[in-house]
PDB file of all heavy atoms in Angstrom:
ATOM      1  N   ARG A   1     -21.964  32.581 -21.908  1.00  0.00           N
ATOM      2  CA  ARG A   1     -23.157  32.979 -21.144  1.00  0.00           C
ATOM      3  C   ARG A   1     -23.759  34.250 -21.727  1.00  0.00           C
ATOM      4  O   ARG A   1     -22.995  35.127 -22.183  1.00  0.00           O
ATOM      5  CB  ARG A   1     -22.770  33.184 -19.661  1.00  0.00           C
ATOM      6  CG  ARG A   1     -22.496  31.828 -18.958  1.00  0.00           C
ATOM      7  CD  ARG A   1     -22.409  31.898 -17.541  1.00  0.00           C
ATOM      8  NE  ARG A   1     -23.485  32.631 -16.879  1.00  0.00           N
ATOM      9  CZ  ARG A   1     -23.889  32.362 -15.660  1.00  0.00           C
ATOM     10  NH1 ARG A   1     -23.319  31.398 -15.015  1.00  0.00           N
ATOM     11  NH2 ARG A   1     -24.822  33.025 -15.159  1.00  0.00           N
ATOM     12  N   PRO A   2     -25.066  34.362 -21.684  1.00  0.00           N
ATOM     13  CA  PRO A   2     -25.700  35.528 -22.312  1.00  0.00           C
ATOM     14  C   PRO A   2     -25.354  36.867 -21.618  1.00  0.00           C
ATOM     15  O   PRO A   2     -25.399  37.930 -22.276  1.00  0.00           O
ATOM     16  CB  PRO A   2     -27.181  35.284 -22.208  1.00  0.00           C
ATOM     17  CG  PRO A   2     -27.353  34.196 -21.159  1.00  0.00           C
ATOM     18  CD  PRO A   2     -26.053  33.445 -21.180  1.00  0.00           C
ATOM     19  N   GLU A   3     -24.915  36.824 -20.335  1.00  0.00           N
ATOM     20  CA  GLU A   3     -24.590  38.058 -19.623  1.00  0.00           C
ATOM     21  C   GLU A   3     -23.186  38.589 -20.018  1.00  0.00           C
ATOM     22  O   GLU A   3     -22.854  39.725 -19.719  1.00  0.00           O
ATOM     23  CB  GLU A   3     -24.581  37.830 -18.112  1.00  0.00           C
ATOM     24  CG  GLU A   3     -25.880  37.235 -17.587  1.00  0.00           C
ATOM     25  CD  GLU A   3     -25.790  35.727 -17.417  1.00  0.00           C
ATOM     26  OE1 GLU A   3     -25.062  35.047 -18.152  1.00  0.00           O
ATOM     27  OE2 GLU A   3     -26.577  35.246 -16.585  1.00  0.00           O
ATOM     28  N   THR A   4     -22.366  37.750 -20.660  1.00  0.00           N
ATOM     29  CA  THR A   4     -21.022  38.135 -21.002  1.00  0.00           C
ATOM     30  C   THR A   4     -20.998  39.193 -22.118  1.00  0.00           C
ATOM     31  O   THR A   4     -21.748  39.074 -23.082  1.00  0.00           O
ATOM     32  CB  THR A   4     -20.203  36.906 -21.435  1.00  0.00           C
ATOM     33  OG1 THR A   4     -20.147  36.007 -20.349  1.00  0.00           O
ATOM     34  CG2 THR A   4     -18.769  37.251 -21.775  1.00  0.00           C
ATOM     35  N   GLN A   5     -20.234  40.225 -21.890  1.00  0.00           N
ATOM     36  CA  GLN A   5     -20.149  41.310 -22.866  1.00  0.00           C
ATOM     37  C   GLN A   5     -18.650  41.564 -23.171  1.00  0.00           C
ATOM     38  O   GLN A   5     -17.815  41.126 -22.429  1.00  0.00           O
ATOM     39  CB  GLN A   5     -20.750  42.604 -22.280  1.00  0.00           C
ATOM     40  CG  GLN A   5     -22.214  42.461 -21.941  1.00  0.00           C
ATOM     41  CD  GLN A   5     -22.755  43.715 -21.320  1.00  0.00           C
ATOM     42  OE1 GLN A   5     -22.278  44.827 -21.577  1.00  0.00           O
ATOM     43  NE2 GLN A   5     -23.725  43.595 -20.414  1.00  0.00           N
ATOM     44  N   ARG A   6     -18.414  42.339 -24.175  1.00  0.00           N
ATOM     45  CA  ARG A   6     -17.027  42.749 -24.489  1.00  0.00           C
ATOM     46  C   ARG A   6     -16.884  44.195 -24.036  1.00  0.00           C
ATOM     47  O   ARG A   6     -17.662  45.036 -24.390  1.00  0.00           O
ATOM     48  CB  ARG A   6     -16.763  42.547 -25.978  1.00  0.00           C
ATOM     49  CG  ARG A   6     -16.934  41.019 -26.319  1.00  0.00           C
ATOM     50  CD  ARG A   6     -16.174  40.627 -27.489  1.00  0.00           C
ATOM     51  NE  ARG A   6     -14.724  40.481 -27.368  1.00  0.00           N
ATOM     52  CZ  ARG A   6     -14.125  39.381 -27.016  1.00  0.00           C
ATOM     53  NH1 ARG A   6     -14.771  38.294 -26.669  1.00  0.00           N
ATOM     54  NH2 ARG A   6     -12.790  39.314 -26.968  1.00  0.00           N
ATOM     55  N   LEU A   7     -15.824  44.433 -23.251  1.00  0.00           N
ATOM     56  CA  LEU A   7     -15.577  45.763 -22.701  1.00  0.00           C
ATOM     57  C   LEU A   7     -14.254  46.314 -23.136  1.00  0.00           C
ATOM     58  O   LEU A   7     -13.308  45.608 -23.374  1.00  0.00           O
ATOM     59  CB  LEU A   7     -15.554  45.651 -21.139  1.00  0.00           C
ATOM     60  CG  LEU A   7     -16.760  45.061 -20.436  1.00  0.00           C
ATOM     61  CD1 LEU A   7     -16.518  45.009 -18.945  1.00  0.00           C
ATOM     62  CD2 LEU A   7     -18.034  45.861 -20.751  1.00  0.00           C
ATOM     63  N   ASP A   8     -14.201  47.650 -23.208  1.00  0.00           N
ATOM     64  CA  ASP A   8     -12.933  48.343 -23.450  1.00  0.00           C
ATOM     65  C   ASP A   8     -12.271  48.555 -22.096  1.00  0.00           C
ATOM     66  O   ASP A   8     -12.726  49.422 -21.276  1.00  0.00           O
ATOM     67  CB  ASP A   8     -13.172  49.651 -24.150  1.00  0.00           C
ATOM     68  CG  ASP A   8     -11.847  50.406 -24.450  1.00  0.00           C
ATOM     69  OD1 ASP A   8     -10.806  49.963 -23.980  1.00  0.00           O
ATOM     70  OD2 ASP A   8     -11.926  51.458 -25.090  1.00  0.00           O
ATOM     71  N   LEU A   9     -11.264  47.748 -21.780  1.00  0.00           N
ATOM     72  CA  LEU A   9     -10.574  47.843 -20.517  1.00  0.00           C
ATOM     73  C   LEU A   9      -9.156  48.302 -20.721  1.00  0.00           C
ATOM     74  O   LEU A   9      -8.248  47.985 -19.994  1.00  0.00           O
ATOM     75  CB  LEU A   9     -10.594  46.465 -19.784  1.00  0.00           C
ATOM     76  CG  LEU A   9     -11.995  45.906 -19.458  1.00  0.00           C
ATOM     77  CD1 LEU A   9     -11.916  44.558 -18.836  1.00  0.00           C
ATOM     78  CD2 LEU A   9     -12.742  46.861 -18.554  1.00  0.00           C
ATOM     79  N   SER A  10      -8.992  49.138 -21.749  1.00  0.00           N
ATOM     80  CA  SER A  10      -7.662  49.694 -22.036  1.00  0.00           C
ATOM     81  C   SER A  10      -7.362  50.895 -21.211  1.00  0.00           C
ATOM     82  O   SER A  10      -6.198  51.358 -21.147  1.00  0.00           O
ATOM     83  CB  SER A  10      -7.562  50.031 -23.550  1.00  0.00           C
ATOM     84  OG  SER A  10      -8.528  50.989 -23.888  1.00  0.00           O
ATOM     85  N   HIS A  11      -8.348  51.458 -20.494  1.00  0.00           N
ATOM     86  CA  HIS A  11      -8.113  52.701 -19.692  1.00  0.00           C
ATOM     87  C   HIS A  11      -8.227  52.464 -18.205  1.00  0.00           C
ATOM     88  O   HIS A  11      -8.287  53.438 -17.460  1.00  0.00           O
ATOM     89  CB  HIS A  11      -9.108  53.777 -20.153  1.00  0.00           C
ATOM     90  CG  HIS A  11      -8.985  54.059 -21.631  1.00  0.00           C
ATOM     91  ND1 HIS A  11      -7.870  54.606 -22.174  1.00  0.00           N
ATOM     92  CD2 HIS A  11      -9.831  53.843 -22.644  1.00  0.00           C
ATOM     93  CE1 HIS A  11      -8.072  54.734 -23.500  1.00  0.00           C
ATOM     94  NE2 HIS A  11      -9.218  54.260 -23.799  1.00  0.00           N
ATOM     95  N   ILE A  12      -8.330  51.216 -17.741  1.00  0.00           N
ATOM     96  CA  ILE A  12      -8.420  50.950 -16.320  1.00  0.00           C
ATOM     97  C   ILE A  12      -7.000  51.028 -15.717  1.00  0.00           C
ATOM     98  O   ILE A  12      -5.983  51.110 -16.448  1.00  0.00           O
ATOM     99  CB  ILE A  12      -9.111  49.619 -16.018  1.00  0.00           C
ATOM    100  CG1 ILE A  12      -8.313  48.411 -16.542  1.00  0.00           C
ATOM    101  CG2 ILE A  12     -10.502  49.624 -16.548  1.00  0.00           C
ATOM    102  CD1 ILE A  12      -8.833  47.062 -16.137  1.00  0.00           C
ATOM    103  N   LYS A  13      -6.942  50.968 -14.419  1.00  0.00           N
ATOM    104  CA  LYS A  13      -5.633  51.115 -13.707  1.00  0.00           C
ATOM    105  C   LYS A  13      -4.561  50.150 -14.249  1.00  0.00           C
ATOM    106  O   LYS A  13      -3.410  50.511 -14.444  1.00  0.00           O
ATOM    107  CB  LYS A  13      -5.858  50.940 -12.193  1.00  0.00           C
ATOM    108  CG  LYS A  13      -4.608  51.223 -11.391  1.00  0.00           C
ATOM    109  CD  LYS A  13      -4.898  51.097  -9.898  1.00  0.00           C
ATOM    110  CE  LYS A  13      -3.673  51.432  -9.107  1.00  0.00           C
ATOM    111  NZ  LYS A  13      -3.954  51.315  -7.677  1.00  0.00           N
ATOM    112  N   GLN A  14      -4.982  48.904 -14.416  1.00  0.00           N
ATOM    113  CA  GLN A  14      -4.034  47.917 -15.009  1.00  0.00           C
ATOM    114  C   GLN A  14      -4.715  47.438 -16.295  1.00  0.00           C
ATOM    115  O   GLN A  14      -5.506  46.520 -16.282  1.00  0.00           O
ATOM    116  CB  GLN A  14      -3.807  46.764 -14.049  1.00  0.00           C
ATOM    117  CG  GLN A  14      -3.052  47.195 -12.836  1.00  0.00           C
ATOM    118  CD  GLN A  14      -2.718  46.038 -11.887  1.00  0.00           C
ATOM    119  OE1 GLN A  14      -2.995  44.895 -12.165  1.00  0.00           O
ATOM    120  NE2 GLN A  14      -2.166  46.386 -10.743  1.00  0.00           N
ATOM    121  N   PRO A  15      -4.469  48.096 -17.432  1.00  0.00           N
ATOM    122  CA  PRO A  15      -5.198  47.880 -18.657  1.00  0.00           C
ATOM    123  C   PRO A  15      -5.099  46.426 -19.161  1.00  0.00           C
ATOM    124  O   PRO A  15      -4.007  45.850 -19.119  1.00  0.00           O
ATOM    125  CB  PRO A  15      -4.531  48.820 -19.647  1.00  0.00           C
ATOM    126  CG  PRO A  15      -3.456  49.545 -18.953  1.00  0.00           C
ATOM    127  CD  PRO A  15      -3.376  49.081 -17.549  1.00  0.00           C
ATOM    128  N   LEU A  16      -6.187  45.923 -19.619  1.00  0.00           N
ATOM    129  CA  LEU A  16      -6.263  44.556 -20.093  1.00  0.00           C
ATOM    130  C   LEU A  16      -6.467  44.526 -21.651  1.00  0.00           C
ATOM    131  O   LEU A  16      -6.258  43.506 -22.257  1.00  0.00           O
ATOM    132  CB  LEU A  16      -7.420  43.773 -19.442  1.00  0.00           C
ATOM    133  CG  LEU A  16      -7.272  43.621 -17.940  1.00  0.00           C
ATOM    134  CD1 LEU A  16      -8.429  42.892 -17.361  1.00  0.00           C
ATOM    135  CD2 LEU A  16      -5.963  42.895 -17.562  1.00  0.00           C
ATOM    136  N   GLY A  17      -6.937  45.648 -22.180  1.00  0.00           N
ATOM    137  CA  GLY A  17      -7.091  45.699 -23.643  1.00  0.00           C
ATOM    138  C   GLY A  17      -8.443  46.338 -24.029  1.00  0.00           C
ATOM    139  O   GLY A  17      -9.282  46.586 -23.172  1.00  0.00           O
ATOM    140  N   PRO A  18      -8.618  46.571 -25.324  1.00  0.00           N
ATOM    141  CA  PRO A  18      -9.804  47.289 -25.766  1.00  0.00           C
ATOM    142  C   PRO A  18     -11.041  46.425 -26.037  1.00  0.00           C
ATOM    143  O   PRO A  18     -12.109  46.914 -26.200  1.00  0.00           O
ATOM    144  CB  PRO A  18      -9.308  47.933 -27.082  1.00  0.00           C
ATOM    145  CG  PRO A  18      -8.278  46.994 -27.610  1.00  0.00           C
ATOM    146  CD  PRO A  18      -7.611  46.451 -26.378  1.00  0.00           C
ATOM    147  N   ASP A  19     -10.846  45.090 -26.008  1.00  0.00           N
ATOM    148  CA  ASP A  19     -11.950  44.189 -26.383  1.00  0.00           C
ATOM    149  C   ASP A  19     -11.877  42.932 -25.554  1.00  0.00           C
ATOM    150  O   ASP A  19     -11.391  41.886 -25.980  1.00  0.00           O
ATOM    151  CB  ASP A  19     -11.830  43.871 -27.888  1.00  0.00           C
ATOM    152  CG  ASP A  19     -12.975  43.012 -28.361  1.00  0.00           C
ATOM    153  OD1 ASP A  19     -14.136  43.243 -27.905  1.00  0.00           O
ATOM    154  OD2 ASP A  19     -12.778  42.154 -29.256  1.00  0.00           O
ATOM    155  N   VAL A  20     -12.279  43.054 -24.285  1.00  0.00           N
ATOM    156  CA  VAL A  20     -12.106  42.010 -23.289  1.00  0.00           C
ATOM    157  C   VAL A  20     -13.431  41.470 -22.902  1.00  0.00           C
ATOM    158  O   VAL A  20     -14.355  42.189 -22.498  1.00  0.00           O
ATOM    159  CB  VAL A  20     -11.363  42.520 -22.028  1.00  0.00           C
ATOM    160  CG1 VAL A  20     -11.230  41.423 -20.965  1.00  0.00           C
ATOM    161  CG2 VAL A  20     -10.039  43.111 -22.415  1.00  0.00           C
ATOM    162  N   PRO A  21     -13.663  40.114 -22.968  1.00  0.00           N
ATOM    163  CA  PRO A  21     -14.899  39.569 -22.507  1.00  0.00           C
ATOM    164  C   PRO A  21     -14.992  39.642 -20.984  1.00  0.00           C
ATOM    165  O   PRO A  21     -13.978  39.459 -20.282  1.00  0.00           O
ATOM    166  CB  PRO A  21     -14.883  38.112 -22.957  1.00  0.00           C
ATOM    167  CG  PRO A  21     -13.425  37.799 -23.170  1.00  0.00           C
ATOM    168  CD  PRO A  21     -12.735  39.074 -23.514  1.00  0.00           C
ATOM    169  N   ALA A  22     -16.155  39.997 -20.480  1.00  0.00           N
ATOM    170  CA  ALA A  22     -16.342  40.065 -19.049  1.00  0.00           C
ATOM    171  C   ALA A  22     -17.807  39.769 -18.671  1.00  0.00           C
ATOM    172  O   ALA A  22     -18.701  40.013 -19.499  1.00  0.00           O
ATOM    173  CB  ALA A  22     -15.981  41.463 -18.547  1.00  0.00           C
ATOM    174  N   ILE A  23     -18.012  39.242 -17.512  1.00  0.00           N
ATOM    175  CA  ILE A  23     -19.338  38.902 -17.065  1.00  0.00           C
ATOM    176  C   ILE A  23     -19.562  39.662 -15.784  1.00  0.00           C
ATOM    177  O   ILE A  23     -18.700  39.774 -14.910  1.00  0.00           O
ATOM    178  CB  ILE A  23     -19.516  37.370 -16.852  1.00  0.00           C
ATOM    179  CG1 ILE A  23     -20.959  37.029 -16.556  1.00  0.00           C
ATOM    180  CG2 ILE A  23     -18.543  36.807 -15.832  1.00  0.00           C
ATOM    181  CD1 ILE A  23     -21.275  35.510 -16.713  1.00  0.00           C
ATOM    182  N   PRO A  24     -20.762  40.233 -15.626  1.00  0.00           N
ATOM    183  CA  PRO A  24     -21.036  40.997 -14.377  1.00  0.00           C
ATOM    184  C   PRO A  24     -20.918  40.017 -13.200  1.00  0.00           C
ATOM    185  O   PRO A  24     -21.393  38.921 -13.239  1.00  0.00           O
ATOM    186  CB  PRO A  24     -22.491  41.441 -14.520  1.00  0.00           C
ATOM    187  CG  PRO A  24     -22.810  41.345 -15.980  1.00  0.00           C
ATOM    188  CD  PRO A  24     -21.921  40.292 -16.523  1.00  0.00           C
ATOM    189  N   LEU A  25     -20.268  40.483 -12.130  1.00  0.00           N
ATOM    190  CA  LEU A  25     -20.106  39.683 -10.951  1.00  0.00           C
ATOM    191  C   LEU A  25     -21.467  39.226 -10.448  1.00  0.00           C
ATOM    192  O   LEU A  25     -21.660  38.102  -9.968  1.00  0.00           O
ATOM    193  CB  LEU A  25     -19.350  40.448  -9.845  1.00  0.00           C
ATOM    194  CG  LEU A  25     -19.054  39.751  -8.577  1.00  0.00           C
ATOM    195  CD1 LEU A  25     -18.193  38.488  -8.801  1.00  0.00           C
ATOM    196  CD2 LEU A  25     -18.332  40.663  -7.589  1.00  0.00           C
ATOM    197  N   SER A  26     -22.454  40.089 -10.566  1.00  0.00           N
ATOM    198  CA  SER A  26     -23.858  39.784 -10.080  1.00  0.00           C
ATOM    199  C   SER A  26     -24.474  38.563 -10.816  1.00  0.00           C
ATOM    200  O   SER A  26     -25.408  37.990 -10.353  1.00  0.00           O
ATOM    201  CB  SER A  26     -24.766  40.983 -10.200  1.00  0.00           C
ATOM    202  OG  SER A  26     -24.829  41.388 -11.580  1.00  0.00           O
ATOM    203  N   ALA A  27     -23.959  38.211 -12.021  1.00  0.00           N
ATOM    204  CA  ALA A  27     -24.452  37.044 -12.757  1.00  0.00           C
ATOM    205  C   ALA A  27     -23.941  35.788 -12.117  1.00  0.00           C
ATOM    206  O   ALA A  27     -24.478  34.706 -12.382  1.00  0.00           O
ATOM    207  CB  ALA A  27     -24.058  37.135 -14.213  1.00  0.00           C
ATOM    208  N   LEU A  28     -22.865  35.863 -11.300  1.00  0.00           N
ATOM    209  CA  LEU A  28     -22.281  34.641 -10.750  1.00  0.00           C
ATOM    210  C   LEU A  28     -22.586  34.467  -9.280  1.00  0.00           C
ATOM    211  O   LEU A  28     -22.529  33.343  -8.743  1.00  0.00           O
ATOM    212  CB  LEU A  28     -20.774  34.696 -10.911  1.00  0.00           C
ATOM    213  CG  LEU A  28     -20.239  34.828 -12.364  1.00  0.00           C
ATOM    214  CD1 LEU A  28     -18.744  34.942 -12.416  1.00  0.00           C
ATOM    215  CD2 LEU A  28     -20.710  33.605 -13.177  1.00  0.00           C
ATOM    216  N   ILE A  29     -22.845  35.561  -8.570  1.00  0.00           N
ATOM    217  CA  ILE A  29     -23.169  35.517  -7.154  1.00  0.00           C
ATOM    218  C   ILE A  29     -24.299  36.476  -6.836  1.00  0.00           C
ATOM    219  O   ILE A  29     -24.639  37.372  -7.577  1.00  0.00           O
ATOM    220  CB  ILE A  29     -21.944  35.912  -6.286  1.00  0.00           C
ATOM    221  CG1 ILE A  29     -21.540  37.391  -6.557  1.00  0.00           C
ATOM    222  CG2 ILE A  29     -20.781  34.973  -6.493  1.00  0.00           C
ATOM    223  CD1 ILE A  29     -20.539  37.925  -5.573  1.00  0.00           C
ATOM    224  N   HIS A  30     -24.901  36.224  -5.694  1.00  0.00           N
ATOM    225  CA  HIS A  30     -25.862  37.200  -5.142  1.00  0.00           C
ATOM    226  C   HIS A  30     -25.121  37.972  -4.051  1.00  0.00           C
ATOM    227  O   HIS A  30     -24.851  37.411  -2.959  1.00  0.00           O
ATOM    228  CB  HIS A  30     -27.087  36.494  -4.563  1.00  0.00           C
ATOM    229  CG  HIS A  30     -27.856  35.798  -5.587  1.00  0.00           C
ATOM    230  ND1 HIS A  30     -27.602  34.511  -6.023  1.00  0.00           N
ATOM    231  CD2 HIS A  30     -28.913  36.250  -6.338  1.00  0.00           C
ATOM    232  CE1 HIS A  30     -28.461  34.202  -6.952  1.00  0.00           C
ATOM    233  NE2 HIS A  30     -29.237  35.242  -7.183  1.00  0.00           N
TER     234      HIS A  30
END
């Protein structure tokens, strides 16, 4: 999907990694 981006999620509470695809929740729901 065009809204999907790659994020650095290595510094969040439960780290997932430095290059994680993610889509804004707002792209899936109102």
